[in-house]
Amino acid sequence: MSKRVLLIEDEPNIIQAIGFILSRDGWTVDSHADGETAMAEIRRRAPDLVILDVMLPNRSGYDILSDLRADPALGAMPVLMLTARGQSRDREQAERIGASRFMTKPFSNTEMLEAVRELVAS
């Protein structure tokens, strides 16, 4: 059975790129583009991993990550945070809230694949 990834991202080109990289490696990739309904989608899909963009419409990835970490049923789920802003304070905030890993855009295909494999294996 393939592993499931939920990609919460609103940029179509990023969704397409990550979907291609991971599905080629045997992952099932679902996507969701709205921050406000992201938690409901995480609960509904029950993925093995969430890839979460920081800047989303209606709610930030940081807020979603905080809610996820506070939920006893979902709190241990691995979360890879993505951002176009690679400033150290963005990384520090993500780590403080509980991101499993932090990656800046643009990323290499290899970097994405290695991060996802590592997060699900641990």
PDB file of N, CA and C in Angstrom:
ATOM      1  N   MET A   1       0.845  -1.193   0.000  1.00  0.00           N
ATOM      2  CA  MET A   1       0.000   0.000   0.000  1.00  0.00           C
ATOM      3  C   MET A   1       0.884   1.247   0.000  1.00  0.00           C
ATOM      4  N   SER A   2       0.546   2.225  -0.811  1.00  0.00           N
ATOM      5  CA  SER A   2       1.370   3.425  -0.891  1.00  0.00           C
ATOM      6  C   SER A   2       1.121   4.347   0.294  1.00  0.00           C
ATOM      7  N   LYS A   3       2.102   5.143   0.569  1.00  0.00           N
ATOM      8  CA  LYS A   3       1.986   6.141   1.624  1.00  0.00           C
ATOM      9  C   LYS A   3       1.229   7.339   1.075  1.00  0.00           C
ATOM     10  N   ARG A   4       0.496   8.022   1.963  1.00  0.00           N
ATOM     11  CA  ARG A   4      -0.329   9.154   1.559  1.00  0.00           C
ATOM     12  C   ARG A   4       0.254  10.470   2.081  1.00  0.00           C
ATOM     13  N   VAL A   5       0.325  11.437   1.191  1.00  0.00           N
ATOM     14  CA  VAL A   5       0.783  12.777   1.522  1.00  0.00           C
ATOM     15  C   VAL A   5      -0.355  13.745   1.236  1.00  0.00           C
ATOM     16  N   LEU A   6      -0.591  14.661   2.173  1.00  0.00           N
ATOM     17  CA  LEU A   6      -1.525  15.752   1.918  1.00  0.00           C
ATOM     18  C   LEU A   6      -0.707  17.015   1.758  1.00  0.00           C
ATOM     19  N   LEU A   7      -0.768  17.604   0.585  1.00  0.00           N
ATOM     20  CA  LEU A   7      -0.050  18.819   0.249  1.00  0.00           C
ATOM     21  C   LEU A   7      -1.015  19.991   0.389  1.00  0.00           C
ATOM     22  N   ILE A   8      -0.741  20.851   1.365  1.00  0.00           N
ATOM     23  CA  ILE A   8      -1.586  22.032   1.578  1.00  0.00           C
ATOM     24  C   ILE A   8      -0.816  23.215   1.016  1.00  0.00           C
ATOM     25  N   GLU A   9      -1.193  23.597  -0.189  1.00  0.00           N
ATOM     26  CA  GLU A   9      -0.452  24.564  -0.998  1.00  0.00           C
ATOM     27  C   GLU A   9      -1.420  25.204  -1.978  1.00  0.00           C
ATOM     28  N   ASP A  10      -1.246  26.502  -2.237  1.00  0.00           N
ATOM     29  CA  ASP A  10      -2.163  27.186  -3.150  1.00  0.00           C
ATOM     30  C   ASP A  10      -1.543  27.553  -4.496  1.00  0.00           C
ATOM     31  N   GLU A  11      -0.280  27.245  -4.712  1.00  0.00           N
ATOM     32  CA  GLU A  11       0.367  27.547  -5.987  1.00  0.00           C
ATOM     33  C   GLU A  11       0.273  26.330  -6.907  1.00  0.00           C
ATOM     34  N   PRO A  12      -0.485  26.429  -8.002  1.00  0.00           N
ATOM     35  CA  PRO A  12      -0.672  25.276  -8.887  1.00  0.00           C
ATOM     36  C   PRO A  12       0.625  24.648  -9.397  1.00  0.00           C
ATOM     37  N   ASN A  13       1.636  25.476  -9.703  1.00  0.00           N
ATOM     38  CA  ASN A  13       2.893  24.909 -10.217  1.00  0.00           C
ATOM     39  C   ASN A  13       3.636  24.103  -9.147  1.00  0.00           C
ATOM     40  N   ILE A  14       3.545  24.524  -7.898  1.00  0.00           N
ATOM     41  CA  ILE A  14       4.177  23.782  -6.798  1.00  0.00           C
ATOM     42  C   ILE A  14       3.408  22.473  -6.563  1.00  0.00           C
ATOM     43  N   ILE A  15       2.089  22.541  -6.594  1.00  0.00           N
ATOM     44  CA  ILE A  15       1.264  21.343  -6.436  1.00  0.00           C
ATOM     45  C   ILE A  15       1.618  20.321  -7.518  1.00  0.00           C
ATOM     46  N   GLN A  16       1.709  20.789  -8.746  1.00  0.00           N
ATOM     47  CA  GLN A  16       2.012  19.902  -9.862  1.00  0.00           C
ATOM     48  C   GLN A  16       3.414  19.302  -9.722  1.00  0.00           C
ATOM     49  N   ALA A  17       4.395  20.123  -9.365  1.00  0.00           N
ATOM     50  CA  ALA A  17       5.778  19.643  -9.236  1.00  0.00           C
ATOM     51  C   ALA A  17       5.912  18.604  -8.127  1.00  0.00           C
ATOM     52  N   ILE A  18       5.386  18.904  -6.944  1.00  0.00           N
ATOM     53  CA  ILE A  18       5.489  17.965  -5.825  1.00  0.00           C
ATOM     54  C   ILE A  18       4.687  16.705  -6.113  1.00  0.00           C
ATOM     55  N   GLY A  19       3.510  16.866  -6.686  1.00  0.00           N
ATOM     56  CA  GLY A  19       2.701  15.709  -7.046  1.00  0.00           C
ATOM     57  C   GLY A  19       3.438  14.780  -7.997  1.00  0.00           C
ATOM     58  N   PHE A  20       4.102  15.352  -8.976  1.00  0.00           N
ATOM     59  CA  PHE A  20       4.854  14.557  -9.952  1.00  0.00           C
ATOM     60  C   PHE A  20       6.022  13.836  -9.286  1.00  0.00           C
ATOM     61  N   ILE A  21       6.811  14.568  -8.505  1.00  0.00           N
ATOM     62  CA  ILE A  21       7.989  13.996  -7.838  1.00  0.00           C
ATOM     63  C   ILE A  21       7.593  12.813  -6.955  1.00  0.00           C
ATOM     64  N   LEU A  22       6.572  13.013  -6.138  1.00  0.00           N
ATOM     65  CA  LEU A  22       6.205  11.992  -5.160  1.00  0.00           C
ATOM     66  C   LEU A  22       5.418  10.835  -5.774  1.00  0.00           C
ATOM     67  N   SER A  23       4.502  11.124  -6.692  1.00  0.00           N
ATOM     68  CA  SER A  23       3.724  10.031  -7.283  1.00  0.00           C
ATOM     69  C   SER A  23       4.623   9.116  -8.102  1.00  0.00           C
ATOM     70  N   ARG A  24       5.630   9.667  -8.723  1.00  0.00           N
ATOM     71  CA  ARG A  24       6.597   8.858  -9.481  1.00  0.00           C
ATOM     72  C   ARG A  24       7.349   7.898  -8.553  1.00  0.00           C
ATOM     73  N   ASP A  25       7.442   8.264  -7.272  1.00  0.00           N
ATOM     74  CA  ASP A  25       8.123   7.432  -6.276  1.00  0.00           C
ATOM     75  C   ASP A  25       7.147   6.501  -5.541  1.00  0.00           C
ATOM     76  N   GLY A  26       5.873   6.485  -5.973  1.00  0.00           N
ATOM     77  CA  GLY A  26       4.909   5.567  -5.388  1.00  0.00           C
ATOM     78  C   GLY A  26       4.009   6.144  -4.307  1.00  0.00           C
ATOM     79  N   TRP A  27       4.074   7.436  -4.081  1.00  0.00           N
ATOM     80  CA  TRP A  27       3.238   8.085  -3.069  1.00  0.00           C
ATOM     81  C   TRP A  27       1.881   8.444  -3.666  1.00  0.00           C
ATOM     82  N   THR A  28       0.859   8.448  -2.829  1.00  0.00           N
ATOM     83  CA  THR A  28      -0.435   8.991  -3.211  1.00  0.00           C
ATOM     84  C   THR A  28      -0.451  10.417  -2.681  1.00  0.00           C
ATOM     85  N   VAL A  29      -0.645  11.376  -3.567  1.00  0.00           N
ATOM     86  CA  VAL A  29      -0.583  12.792  -3.189  1.00  0.00           C
ATOM     87  C   VAL A  29      -1.947  13.435  -3.401  1.00  0.00           C
ATOM     88  N   ASP A  30      -2.500  13.965  -2.313  1.00  0.00           N
ATOM     89  CA  ASP A  30      -3.721  14.757  -2.384  1.00  0.00           C
ATOM     90  C   ASP A  30      -3.326  16.197  -2.095  1.00  0.00           C
ATOM     91  N   SER A  31      -4.087  17.135  -2.635  1.00  0.00           N
ATOM     92  CA  SER A  31      -3.770  18.539  -2.360  1.00  0.00           C
ATOM     93  C   SER A  31      -5.010  19.280  -1.880  1.00  0.00           C
ATOM     94  N   HIS A  32      -4.732  20.368  -1.181  1.00  0.00           N
ATOM     95  CA  HIS A  32      -5.779  21.229  -0.635  1.00  0.00           C
ATOM     96  C   HIS A  32      -5.201  22.637  -0.622  1.00  0.00           C
ATOM     97  N   ALA A  33      -5.990  23.637  -0.996  1.00  0.00           N
ATOM     98  CA  ALA A  33      -5.443  24.976  -1.192  1.00  0.00           C
ATOM     99  C   ALA A  33      -5.942  26.043  -0.222  1.00  0.00           C
ATOM    100  N   ASP A  34      -6.814  25.709   0.721  1.00  0.00           N
ATOM    101  CA  ASP A  34      -7.396  26.734   1.591  1.00  0.00           C
ATOM    102  C   ASP A  34      -6.996  26.515   3.049  1.00  0.00           C
ATOM    103  N   GLY A  35      -6.400  27.535   3.643  1.00  0.00           N
ATOM    104  CA  GLY A  35      -5.972  27.430   5.033  1.00  0.00           C
ATOM    105  C   GLY A  35      -7.101  27.261   6.020  1.00  0.00           C
ATOM    106  N   GLU A  36      -8.230  27.879   5.747  1.00  0.00           N
ATOM    107  CA  GLU A  36      -9.353  27.839   6.687  1.00  0.00           C
ATOM    108  C   GLU A  36      -9.918  26.428   6.877  1.00  0.00           C
ATOM    109  N   THR A  37      -9.924  25.630   5.825  1.00  0.00           N
ATOM    110  CA  THR A  37     -10.504  24.284   5.901  1.00  0.00           C
ATOM    111  C   THR A  37      -9.437  23.182   5.937  1.00  0.00           C
ATOM    112  N   ALA A  38      -8.190  23.570   6.115  1.00  0.00           N
ATOM    113  CA  ALA A  38      -7.092  22.600   6.079  1.00  0.00           C
ATOM    114  C   ALA A  38      -7.178  21.549   7.185  1.00  0.00           C
ATOM    115  N   MET A  39      -7.521  21.945   8.404  1.00  0.00           N
ATOM    116  CA  MET A  39      -7.592  20.966   9.497  1.00  0.00           C
ATOM    117  C   MET A  39      -8.661  19.909   9.225  1.00  0.00           C
ATOM    118  N   ALA A  40      -9.796  20.328   8.706  1.00  0.00           N
ATOM    119  CA  ALA A  40     -10.852  19.364   8.377  1.00  0.00           C
ATOM    120  C   ALA A  40     -10.364  18.396   7.305  1.00  0.00           C
ATOM    121  N   GLU A  41      -9.602  18.893   6.359  1.00  0.00           N
ATOM    122  CA  GLU A  41      -9.080  18.045   5.289  1.00  0.00           C
ATOM    123  C   GLU A  41      -8.038  17.060   5.832  1.00  0.00           C
ATOM    124  N   ILE A  42      -7.213  17.507   6.755  1.00  0.00           N
ATOM    125  CA  ILE A  42      -6.229  16.610   7.385  1.00  0.00           C
ATOM    126  C   ILE A  42      -6.960  15.483   8.115  1.00  0.00           C
ATOM    127  N   ARG A  43      -7.972  15.837   8.875  1.00  0.00           N
ATOM    128  CA  ARG A  43      -8.746  14.811   9.608  1.00  0.00           C
ATOM    129  C   ARG A  43      -9.426  13.837   8.635  1.00  0.00           C
ATOM    130  N   ARG A  44      -9.985  14.367   7.562  1.00  0.00           N
ATOM    131  CA  ARG A  44     -10.716  13.551   6.595  1.00  0.00           C
ATOM    132  C   ARG A  44      -9.796  12.579   5.850  1.00  0.00           C
ATOM    133  N   ARG A  45      -8.653  13.049   5.454  1.00  0.00           N
ATOM    134  CA  ARG A  45      -7.754  12.234   4.627  1.00  0.00           C
ATOM    135  C   ARG A  45      -6.796  11.363   5.441  1.00  0.00           C
ATOM    136  N   ALA A  46      -6.504  11.745   6.687  1.00  0.00           N
ATOM    137  CA  ALA A  46      -5.586  10.994   7.561  1.00  0.00           C
ATOM    138  C   ALA A  46      -4.293  10.583   6.838  1.00  0.00           C
ATOM    139  N   PRO A  47      -3.525  11.564   6.361  1.00  0.00           N
ATOM    140  CA  PRO A  47      -2.303  11.240   5.612  1.00  0.00           C
ATOM    141  C   PRO A  47      -1.182  10.740   6.540  1.00  0.00           C
ATOM    142  N   ASP A  48      -0.160  10.169   5.924  1.00  0.00           N
ATOM    143  CA  ASP A  48       1.037   9.772   6.667  1.00  0.00           C
ATOM    144  C   ASP A  48       1.941  10.979   6.914  1.00  0.00           C
ATOM    145  N   LEU A  49       1.779  12.003   6.094  1.00  0.00           N
ATOM    146  CA  LEU A  49       2.617  13.197   6.150  1.00  0.00           C
ATOM    147  C   LEU A  49       1.839  14.378   5.589  1.00  0.00           C
ATOM    148  N   VAL A  50       2.058  15.562   6.166  1.00  0.00           N
ATOM    149  CA  VAL A  50       1.490  16.797   5.629  1.00  0.00           C
ATOM    150  C   VAL A  50       2.637  17.674   5.158  1.00  0.00           C
ATOM    151  N   ILE A  51       2.528  18.167   3.932  1.00  0.00           N
ATOM    152  CA  ILE A  51       3.433  19.196   3.427  1.00  0.00           C
ATOM    153  C   ILE A  51       2.616  20.478   3.456  1.00  0.00           C
ATOM    154  N   LEU A  52       3.072  21.448   4.235  1.00  0.00           N
ATOM    155  CA  LEU A  52       2.270  22.623   4.566  1.00  0.00           C
ATOM    156  C   LEU A  52       2.977  23.911   4.182  1.00  0.00           C
ATOM    157  N   ASP A  53       2.354  24.675   3.299  1.00  0.00           N
ATOM    158  CA  ASP A  53       2.887  25.981   2.907  1.00  0.00           C
ATOM    159  C   ASP A  53       2.639  26.981   4.036  1.00  0.00           C
ATOM    160  N   VAL A  54       3.541  27.910   4.215  1.00  0.00           N
ATOM    161  CA  VAL A  54       3.379  28.930   5.253  1.00  0.00           C
ATOM    162  C   VAL A  54       2.304  29.936   4.865  1.00  0.00           C
ATOM    163  N   MET A  55       2.351  30.417   3.621  1.00  0.00           N
ATOM    164  CA  MET A  55       1.413  31.463   3.199  1.00  0.00           C
ATOM    165  C   MET A  55       0.280  30.853   2.380  1.00  0.00           C
ATOM    166  N   LEU A  56      -0.888  30.804   3.002  1.00  0.00           N
ATOM    167  CA  LEU A  56      -2.076  30.238   2.373  1.00  0.00           C
ATOM    168  C   LEU A  56      -3.226  31.236   2.435  1.00  0.00           C
ATOM    169  N   PRO A  57      -4.214  31.104   1.568  1.00  0.00           N
ATOM    170  CA  PRO A  57      -5.379  31.968   1.682  1.00  0.00           C
ATOM    171  C   PRO A  57      -6.185  31.629   2.945  1.00  0.00           C
ATOM    172  N   ASN A  58      -6.651  32.625   3.619  1.00  0.00           N
ATOM    173  CA  ASN A  58      -7.580  32.548   4.752  1.00  0.00           C
ATOM    174  C   ASN A  58      -6.981  32.115   6.092  1.00  0.00           C
ATOM    175  N   ARG A  59      -5.818  31.507   6.093  1.00  0.00           N
ATOM    176  CA  ARG A  59      -5.204  31.088   7.359  1.00  0.00           C
ATOM    177  C   ARG A  59      -3.758  30.688   7.085  1.00  0.00           C
ATOM    178  N   SER A  60      -2.843  31.050   7.970  1.00  0.00           N
ATOM    179  CA  SER A  60      -1.435  30.749   7.724  1.00  0.00           C
ATOM    180  C   SER A  60      -1.094  29.302   8.077  1.00  0.00           C
ATOM    181  N   GLY A  61      -0.039  28.819   7.465  1.00  0.00           N
ATOM    182  CA  GLY A  61       0.464  27.492   7.784  1.00  0.00           C
ATOM    183  C   GLY A  61       0.896  27.389   9.236  1.00  0.00           C
ATOM    184  N   TYR A  62       1.390  28.493   9.811  1.00  0.00           N
ATOM    185  CA  TYR A  62       1.779  28.487  11.225  1.00  0.00           C
ATOM    186  C   TYR A  62       0.566  28.221  12.118  1.00  0.00           C
ATOM    187  N   ASP A  63      -0.555  28.849  11.805  1.00  0.00           N
ATOM    188  CA  ASP A  63      -1.781  28.630  12.591  1.00  0.00           C
ATOM    189  C   ASP A  63      -2.257  27.182  12.467  1.00  0.00           C
ATOM    190  N   ILE A  64      -2.195  26.648  11.259  1.00  0.00           N
ATOM    191  CA  ILE A  64      -2.613  25.266  11.030  1.00  0.00           C
ATOM    192  C   ILE A  64      -1.700  24.306  11.796  1.00  0.00           C
ATOM    193  N   LEU A  65      -0.397  24.559  11.737  1.00  0.00           N
ATOM    194  CA  LEU A  65       0.554  23.716  12.460  1.00  0.00           C
ATOM    195  C   LEU A  65       0.305  23.768  13.965  1.00  0.00           C
ATOM    196  N   SER A  66       0.005  24.944  14.498  1.00  0.00           N
ATOM    197  CA  SER A  66      -0.303  25.067  15.934  1.00  0.00           C
ATOM    198  C   SER A  66      -1.518  24.223  16.300  1.00  0.00           C
ATOM    199  N   ASP A  67      -2.558  24.293  15.486  1.00  0.00           N
ATOM    200  CA  ASP A  67      -3.761  23.486  15.729  1.00  0.00           C
ATOM    201  C   ASP A  67      -3.456  21.992  15.638  1.00  0.00           C
ATOM    202  N   LEU A  68      -2.665  21.631  14.673  1.00  0.00           N
ATOM    203  CA  LEU A  68      -2.309  20.230  14.474  1.00  0.00           C
ATOM    204  C   LEU A  68      -1.548  19.685  15.682  1.00  0.00           C
ATOM    205  N   ARG A  69      -0.582  20.444  16.163  1.00  0.00           N
ATOM    206  CA  ARG A  69       0.224  20.010  17.307  1.00  0.00           C
ATOM    207  C   ARG A  69      -0.597  19.958  18.597  1.00  0.00           C
ATOM    208  N   ALA A  70      -1.661  20.756  18.684  1.00  0.00           N
ATOM    209  CA  ALA A  70      -2.509  20.771  19.881  1.00  0.00           C
ATOM    210  C   ALA A  70      -3.560  19.652  19.868  1.00  0.00           C
ATOM    211  N   ASP A  71      -3.723  18.990  18.740  1.00  0.00           N
ATOM    212  CA  ASP A  71      -4.739  17.938  18.609  1.00  0.00           C
ATOM    213  C   ASP A  71      -4.136  16.599  19.027  1.00  0.00           C
ATOM    214  N   PRO A  72      -4.658  15.972  20.099  1.00  0.00           N
ATOM    215  CA  PRO A  72      -4.085  14.712  20.578  1.00  0.00           C
ATOM    216  C   PRO A  72      -4.059  13.595  19.529  1.00  0.00           C
ATOM    217  N   ALA A  73      -5.025  13.568  18.647  1.00  0.00           N
ATOM    218  CA  ALA A  73      -5.088  12.512  17.636  1.00  0.00           C
ATOM    219  C   ALA A  73      -4.120  12.754  16.473  1.00  0.00           C
ATOM    220  N   LEU A  74      -3.733  14.011  16.246  1.00  0.00           N
ATOM    221  CA  LEU A  74      -2.908  14.344  15.089  1.00  0.00           C
ATOM    222  C   LEU A  74      -1.550  14.933  15.445  1.00  0.00           C
ATOM    223  N   GLY A  75      -1.337  15.197  16.707  1.00  0.00           N
ATOM    224  CA  GLY A  75      -0.158  15.942  17.148  1.00  0.00           C
ATOM    225  C   GLY A  75       1.182  15.386  16.745  1.00  0.00           C
ATOM    226  N   ALA A  76       1.283  14.080  16.555  1.00  0.00           N
ATOM    227  CA  ALA A  76       2.567  13.469  16.211  1.00  0.00           C
ATOM    228  C   ALA A  76       2.788  13.336  14.700  1.00  0.00           C
ATOM    229  N   MET A  77       1.822  13.769  13.898  1.00  0.00           N
ATOM    230  CA  MET A  77       1.939  13.643  12.445  1.00  0.00           C
ATOM    231  C   MET A  77       3.135  14.448  11.934  1.00  0.00           C
ATOM    232  N   PRO A  78       3.974  13.859  11.076  1.00  0.00           N
ATOM    233  CA  PRO A  78       5.087  14.624  10.522  1.00  0.00           C
ATOM    234  C   PRO A  78       4.586  15.733   9.589  1.00  0.00           C
ATOM    235  N   VAL A  79       5.203  16.909   9.727  1.00  0.00           N
ATOM    236  CA  VAL A  79       4.827  18.066   8.911  1.00  0.00           C
ATOM    237  C   VAL A  79       6.082  18.703   8.328  1.00  0.00           C
ATOM    238  N   LEU A  80       6.105  18.779   7.008  1.00  0.00           N
ATOM    239  CA  LEU A  80       7.164  19.469   6.285  1.00  0.00           C
ATOM    240  C   LEU A  80       6.620  20.837   5.904  1.00  0.00           C
ATOM    241  N   MET A  81       7.199  21.895   6.482  1.00  0.00           N
ATOM    242  CA  MET A  81       6.768  23.266   6.179  1.00  0.00           C
ATOM    243  C   MET A  81       7.530  23.773   4.959  1.00  0.00           C
ATOM    244  N   LEU A  82       6.810  24.423   4.057  1.00  0.00           N
ATOM    245  CA  LEU A  82       7.384  25.037   2.863  1.00  0.00           C
ATOM    246  C   LEU A  82       7.176  26.538   2.920  1.00  0.00           C
ATOM    247  N   THR A  83       8.182  27.288   2.497  1.00  0.00           N
ATOM    248  CA  THR A  83       8.002  28.730   2.391  1.00  0.00           C
ATOM    249  C   THR A  83       8.872  29.305   1.290  1.00  0.00           C
ATOM    250  N   ALA A  84       8.396  30.371   0.698  1.00  0.00           N
ATOM    251  CA  ALA A  84       9.188  31.099  -0.290  1.00  0.00           C
ATOM    252  C   ALA A  84      10.144  32.063   0.416  1.00  0.00           C
ATOM    253  N   ARG A  85       9.874  32.306   1.695  1.00  0.00           N
ATOM    254  CA  ARG A  85      10.730  33.200   2.478  1.00  0.00           C
ATOM    255  C   ARG A  85      11.667  32.343   3.329  1.00  0.00           C
ATOM    256  N   GLY A  86      12.943  32.434   3.063  1.00  0.00           N
ATOM    257  CA  GLY A  86      13.895  31.575   3.761  1.00  0.00           C
ATOM    258  C   GLY A  86      14.595  32.255   4.914  1.00  0.00           C
ATOM    259  N   GLN A  87      13.979  33.259   5.492  1.00  0.00           N
ATOM    260  CA  GLN A  87      14.615  33.987   6.579  1.00  0.00           C
ATOM    261  C   GLN A  87      14.691  33.121   7.835  1.00  0.00           C
ATOM    262  N   SER A  88      15.717  33.353   8.629  1.00  0.00           N
ATOM    263  CA  SER A  88      15.925  32.524   9.816  1.00  0.00           C
ATOM    264  C   SER A  88      14.766  32.635  10.796  1.00  0.00           C
ATOM    265  N   ARG A  89      14.119  33.797  10.866  1.00  0.00           N
ATOM    266  CA  ARG A  89      13.006  33.919  11.819  1.00  0.00           C
ATOM    267  C   ARG A  89      11.809  33.059  11.393  1.00  0.00           C
ATOM    268  N   ASP A  90      11.626  32.854  10.081  1.00  0.00           N
ATOM    269  CA  ASP A  90      10.566  31.963   9.595  1.00  0.00           C
ATOM    270  C   ASP A  90      10.853  30.523  10.019  1.00  0.00           C
ATOM    271  N   ARG A  91      12.094  30.109   9.853  1.00  0.00           N
ATOM    272  CA  ARG A  91      12.503  28.760  10.240  1.00  0.00           C
ATOM    273  C   ARG A  91      12.368  28.583  11.751  1.00  0.00           C
ATOM    274  N   GLU A  92      12.811  29.575  12.511  1.00  0.00           N
ATOM    275  CA  GLU A  92      12.720  29.496  13.974  1.00  0.00           C
ATOM    276  C   GLU A  92      11.272  29.406  14.442  1.00  0.00           C
ATOM    277  N   GLN A  93      10.397  30.184  13.828  1.00  0.00           N
ATOM    278  CA  GLN A  93       8.984  30.131  14.206  1.00  0.00           C
ATOM    279  C   GLN A  93       8.399  28.754  13.896  1.00  0.00           C
ATOM    280  N   ALA A  94       8.708  28.205  12.733  1.00  0.00           N
ATOM    281  CA  ALA A  94       8.205  26.881  12.354  1.00  0.00           C
ATOM    282  C   ALA A  94       8.710  25.815  13.328  1.00  0.00           C
ATOM    283  N   GLU A  95       9.976  25.893  13.689  1.00  0.00           N
ATOM    284  CA  GLU A  95      10.545  24.916  14.620  1.00  0.00           C
ATOM    285  C   GLU A  95       9.934  25.068  16.008  1.00  0.00           C
ATOM    286  N   ARG A  96       9.715  26.284  16.429  1.00  0.00           N
ATOM    287  CA  ARG A  96       9.122  26.552  17.750  1.00  0.00           C
ATOM    288  C   ARG A  96       7.712  25.972  17.843  1.00  0.00           C
ATOM    289  N   ILE A  97       6.949  26.085  16.769  1.00  0.00           N
ATOM    290  CA  ILE A  97       5.576  25.571  16.750  1.00  0.00           C
ATOM    291  C   ILE A  97       5.565  24.047  16.649  1.00  0.00           C
ATOM    292  N   GLY A  98       6.604  23.474  16.031  1.00  0.00           N
ATOM    293  CA  GLY A  98       6.667  22.020  15.970  1.00  0.00           C
ATOM    294  C   GLY A  98       6.777  21.413  14.587  1.00  0.00           C
ATOM    295  N   ALA A  99       7.296  22.173  13.616  1.00  0.00           N
ATOM    296  CA  ALA A  99       7.495  21.593  12.282  1.00  0.00           C
ATOM    297  C   ALA A  99       8.525  20.470  12.371  1.00  0.00           C
ATOM    298  N   SER A 100       8.263  19.381  11.690  1.00  0.00           N
ATOM    299  CA  SER A 100       9.211  18.267  11.661  1.00  0.00           C
ATOM    300  C   SER A 100      10.423  18.623  10.804  1.00  0.00           C
ATOM    301  N   ARG A 101      10.161  19.403   9.762  1.00  0.00           N
ATOM    302  CA  ARG A 101      11.219  19.820   8.843  1.00  0.00           C
ATOM    303  C   ARG A 101      10.767  21.101   8.168  1.00  0.00           C
ATOM    304  N   PHE A 102      11.732  21.913   7.709  1.00  0.00           N
ATOM    305  CA  PHE A 102      11.453  23.197   7.086  1.00  0.00           C
ATOM    306  C   PHE A 102      12.222  23.249   5.776  1.00  0.00           C
ATOM    307  N   MET A 103      11.563  23.645   4.706  1.00  0.00           N
ATOM    308  CA  MET A 103      12.214  23.704   3.402  1.00  0.00           C
ATOM    309  C   MET A 103      11.800  24.985   2.687  1.00  0.00           C
ATOM    310  N   THR A 104      12.772  25.615   2.035  1.00  0.00           N
ATOM    311  CA  THR A 104      12.466  26.833   1.289  1.00  0.00           C
ATOM    312  C   THR A 104      12.268  26.507  -0.190  1.00  0.00           C
ATOM    313  N   LYS A 105      11.429  27.316  -0.815  1.00  0.00           N
ATOM    314  CA  LYS A 105      11.219  27.241  -2.264  1.00  0.00           C
ATOM    315  C   LYS A 105      12.229  28.196  -2.903  1.00  0.00           C
ATOM    316  N   PRO A 106      12.803  27.875  -4.007  1.00  0.00           N
ATOM    317  CA  PRO A 106      12.661  26.618  -4.728  1.00  0.00           C
ATOM    318  C   PRO A 106      13.479  25.509  -4.056  1.00  0.00           C
ATOM    319  N   PHE A 107      13.074  24.283  -4.281  1.00  0.00           N
ATOM    320  CA  PHE A 107      13.751  23.115  -3.726  1.00  0.00           C
ATOM    321  C   PHE A 107      14.082  22.184  -4.881  1.00  0.00           C
ATOM    322  N   SER A 108      15.035  21.308  -4.660  1.00  0.00           N
ATOM    323  CA  SER A 108      15.349  20.335  -5.712  1.00  0.00           C
ATOM    324  C   SER A 108      14.448  19.113  -5.556  1.00  0.00           C
ATOM    325  N   ASN A 109      14.254  18.404  -6.638  1.00  0.00           N
ATOM    326  CA  ASN A 109      13.455  17.178  -6.594  1.00  0.00           C
ATOM    327  C   ASN A 109      14.042  16.193  -5.587  1.00  0.00           C
ATOM    328  N   THR A 110      15.352  16.062  -5.605  1.00  0.00           N
ATOM    329  CA  THR A 110      16.033  15.142  -4.694  1.00  0.00           C
ATOM    330  C   THR A 110      15.823  15.551  -3.248  1.00  0.00           C
ATOM    331  N   GLU A 111      15.944  16.838  -2.975  1.00  0.00           N
ATOM    332  CA  GLU A 111      15.763  17.346  -1.614  1.00  0.00           C
ATOM    333  C   GLU A 111      14.351  17.049  -1.100  1.00  0.00           C
ATOM    334  N   MET A 112      13.347  17.255  -1.933  1.00  0.00           N
ATOM    335  CA  MET A 112      11.960  16.995  -1.543  1.00  0.00           C
ATOM    336  C   MET A 112      11.750  15.505  -1.273  1.00  0.00           C
ATOM    337  N   LEU A 113      12.204  14.675  -2.172  1.00  0.00           N
ATOM    338  CA  LEU A 113      12.016  13.241  -2.038  1.00  0.00           C
ATOM    339  C   LEU A 113      12.719  12.693  -0.791  1.00  0.00           C
ATOM    340  N   GLU A 114      13.935  13.134  -0.562  1.00  0.00           N
ATOM    341  CA  GLU A 114      14.675  12.683   0.623  1.00  0.00           C
ATOM    342  C   GLU A 114      13.990  13.115   1.910  1.00  0.00           C
ATOM    343  N   ALA A 115      13.501  14.346   1.950  1.00  0.00           N
ATOM    344  CA  ALA A 115      12.834  14.854   3.150  1.00  0.00           C
ATOM    345  C   ALA A 115      11.572  14.054   3.451  1.00  0.00           C
ATOM    346  N   VAL A 116      10.760  13.790   2.438  1.00  0.00           N
ATOM    347  CA  VAL A 116       9.511  13.056   2.626  1.00  0.00           C
ATOM    348  C   VAL A 116       9.799  11.626   3.076  1.00  0.00           C
ATOM    349  N   ARG A 117      10.734  10.978   2.424  1.00  0.00           N
ATOM    350  CA  ARG A 117      11.100   9.597   2.807  1.00  0.00           C
ATOM    351  C   ARG A 117      11.580   9.549   4.253  1.00  0.00           C
ATOM    352  N   GLU A 118      12.431  10.492   4.605  1.00  0.00           N
ATOM    353  CA  GLU A 118      13.001  10.539   5.961  1.00  0.00           C
ATOM    354  C   GLU A 118      11.927  10.782   7.018  1.00  0.00           C
ATOM    355  N   LEU A 119      11.019  11.696   6.752  1.00  0.00           N
ATOM    356  CA  LEU A 119       9.972  12.020   7.734  1.00  0.00           C
ATOM    357  C   LEU A 119       9.011  10.863   7.963  1.00  0.00           C
ATOM    358  N   VAL A 120       8.696  10.112   6.945  1.00  0.00           N
ATOM    359  CA  VAL A 120       7.762   8.994   7.107  1.00  0.00           C
ATOM    360  C   VAL A 120       8.470   7.777   7.710  1.00  0.00           C
ATOM    361  N   ALA A 121       9.764   7.652   7.457  1.00  0.00           N
ATOM    362  CA  ALA A 121      10.520   6.511   7.997  1.00  0.00           C
ATOM    363  C   ALA A 121      10.776   6.655   9.492  1.00  0.00           C
ATOM    364  N   SER A 122      10.839   7.888   9.976  1.00  0.00           N
ATOM    365  CA  SER A 122      11.195   8.097  11.391  1.00  0.00           C
ATOM    366  C   SER A 122      10.020   7.952  12.323  1.00  0.00           C
TER     367      SER A 122
END
